[in-house]
């Protein structure tokens, strides 16, 4: 059980590293954005330290990805809704606002149509 937990922490760290590199950020860049040290980022990425939930949420904001996308190491594990949420999170603010408004409109239409 402890080995599985360690592997999960390592996998999450590798996903953090992967996303950070996709965003063309150094560990130092990310540390500055997170108001922490480069060593903290390094320890997360190597799986030496597990990331706390509040830090995971802040990290997802800084990297502009969903928290789920950071903890899911296998895309097959994620539901379609989680994947769509992640894609929406990665949009520019104006695009995100437009998408959310369109979704609200569609949901209201469905609710009226279904008598909800």
Protein backbone atom coordinates (compact mmCIF):
# COMPACT_ATOMS: atom_id res chain seq x y z
CA UNK A 1 0.00 0.00 0.00
CA UNK A 2 2.79 2.46 0.89
CA UNK A 3 4.52 1.63 -2.40
CA UNK A 4 1.31 2.44 -4.33
CA UNK A 5 1.01 5.77 -2.50
CA UNK A 6 4.63 6.64 -3.27
CA UNK A 7 4.09 5.76 -6.94
CA UNK A 8 0.98 7.96 -7.06
CA UNK A 9 2.85 10.90 -5.50
CA UNK A 10 5.68 10.38 -8.02
CA UNK A 11 3.21 10.21 -10.94
CA UNK A 12 1.52 13.44 -9.85
CA UNK A 13 4.94 15.09 -9.59
CA UNK A 14 5.83 13.96 -13.09
CA UNK A 15 2.54 15.36 -14.38
CA UNK A 16 3.26 18.69 -12.66
CA UNK A 17 6.68 18.72 -14.33
CA UNK A 18 5.19 17.85 -17.71
CA UNK A 19 2.61 20.64 -17.55
CA UNK A 20 5.18 23.15 -16.27
CA UNK A 21 7.46 22.34 -19.20
CA UNK A 22 4.54 22.56 -21.65
CA UNK A 23 3.97 26.07 -20.32
CA UNK A 24 7.68 26.86 -20.88
CA UNK A 25 8.23 27.61 -17.20
CA UNK A 26 11.29 26.85 -15.15
CA UNK A 27 10.98 25.61 -11.59
CA UNK A 28 12.14 29.06 -10.50
CA UNK A 29 9.44 30.77 -12.60
CA UNK A 30 6.77 28.57 -11.06
CA UNK A 31 8.16 29.03 -7.55
CA UNK A 32 8.02 32.81 -7.93
CA UNK A 33 4.45 32.64 -9.22
CA UNK A 34 3.49 30.39 -6.29
CA UNK A 35 5.41 32.48 -3.74
CA UNK A 36 7.44 29.46 -2.67
CA UNK A 37 10.94 28.12 -3.27
CA UNK A 38 12.32 26.23 -6.25
CA UNK A 39 13.15 23.39 -3.84
CA UNK A 40 9.46 22.96 -2.98
CA UNK A 41 8.61 22.66 -6.69
CA UNK A 42 11.46 20.20 -7.17
CA UNK A 43 10.30 18.04 -4.25
CA UNK A 44 6.77 17.90 -5.67
CA UNK A 45 8.05 16.94 -9.11
CA UNK A 46 10.33 14.19 -7.84
CA UNK A 47 7.67 12.81 -5.51
CA UNK A 48 9.83 13.52 -2.47
CA UNK A 49 6.97 15.55 -0.96
CA UNK A 50 3.25 15.18 -1.58
CA UNK A 51 1.49 18.36 -2.63
CA UNK A 52 -1.17 19.69 -0.25
CA UNK A 53 -4.66 20.31 -1.60
CA UNK A 54 -4.47 24.10 -1.21
CA UNK A 55 -1.15 24.10 -3.06
CA UNK A 56 -2.59 21.87 -5.79
CA UNK A 57 -5.45 24.30 -6.33
CA UNK A 58 -3.09 27.28 -6.47
CA UNK A 59 -0.75 25.38 -8.78
CA UNK A 60 -3.59 24.55 -11.16
CA UNK A 61 -4.46 28.25 -11.31
CA UNK A 62 -0.85 29.25 -12.02
CA UNK A 63 -0.49 26.59 -14.72
CA UNK A 64 -4.00 27.31 -16.06
CA UNK A 65 -5.12 23.68 -15.97
CA UNK A 66 -7.74 21.86 -13.95
CA UNK A 67 -6.62 20.26 -10.68
CA UNK A 68 -7.97 16.96 -12.02
CA UNK A 69 -5.60 17.14 -14.98
CA UNK A 70 -2.67 17.34 -12.56
CA UNK A 71 -3.67 14.33 -10.50
CA UNK A 72 -4.87 12.15 -13.37
CA UNK A 73 -1.78 10.71 -15.00
CA UNK A 74 -3.69 8.63 -17.51
CA UNK A 75 -6.14 10.45 -19.78
CA UNK A 76 -8.18 7.23 -20.00
CA UNK A 77 -8.93 7.63 -16.27
CA UNK A 78 -10.56 11.03 -16.75
CA UNK A 79 -14.22 11.37 -17.59
CA UNK A 80 -15.31 13.34 -20.62
CA UNK A 81 -16.66 16.05 -18.32
CA UNK A 82 -13.31 16.40 -16.56
CA UNK A 83 -11.51 16.65 -19.89
CA UNK A 84 -13.91 19.35 -21.09
CA UNK A 85 -13.51 21.21 -17.80
CA UNK A 86 -9.75 21.13 -18.28
CA UNK A 87 -10.07 22.48 -21.81
CA UNK A 88 -12.33 25.30 -20.62
CA UNK A 89 -9.84 26.16 -17.86
CA UNK A 90 -7.12 26.59 -20.48
CA UNK A 91 -9.08 29.17 -22.51
CA UNK A 92 -8.34 32.88 -22.42
CA UNK A 93 -10.60 34.75 -19.94
CA UNK A 94 -12.88 36.22 -22.65
CA UNK A 95 -13.19 32.82 -24.37
CA UNK A 96 -13.95 31.16 -21.04
CA UNK A 97 -16.66 33.73 -20.21
CA UNK A 98 -18.24 33.21 -23.64
CA UNK A 99 -18.16 29.42 -23.26
CA UNK A 100 -19.67 29.52 -19.76
CA UNK A 101 -22.45 31.87 -20.90
CA UNK A 102 -23.23 29.57 -23.85
CA UNK A 103 -23.38 26.59 -21.50
CA UNK A 104 -25.72 28.42 -19.11
CA UNK A 105 -28.02 29.27 -22.03
CA UNK A 106 -28.05 25.65 -23.22
CA UNK A 107 -28.76 24.34 -19.72
CA UNK A 108 -31.68 26.76 -19.25
CA UNK A 109 -33.05 25.66 -22.64
CA UNK A 110 -32.80 21.99 -21.68
CA UNK A 111 -34.45 22.62 -18.34
CA UNK A 112 -37.38 24.42 -20.01
CA UNK A 113 -37.70 21.69 -22.63
CA UNK A 114 -37.69 18.94 -19.99
CA UNK A 115 -40.02 20.82 -17.64
CA UNK A 116 -37.45 21.07 -14.86
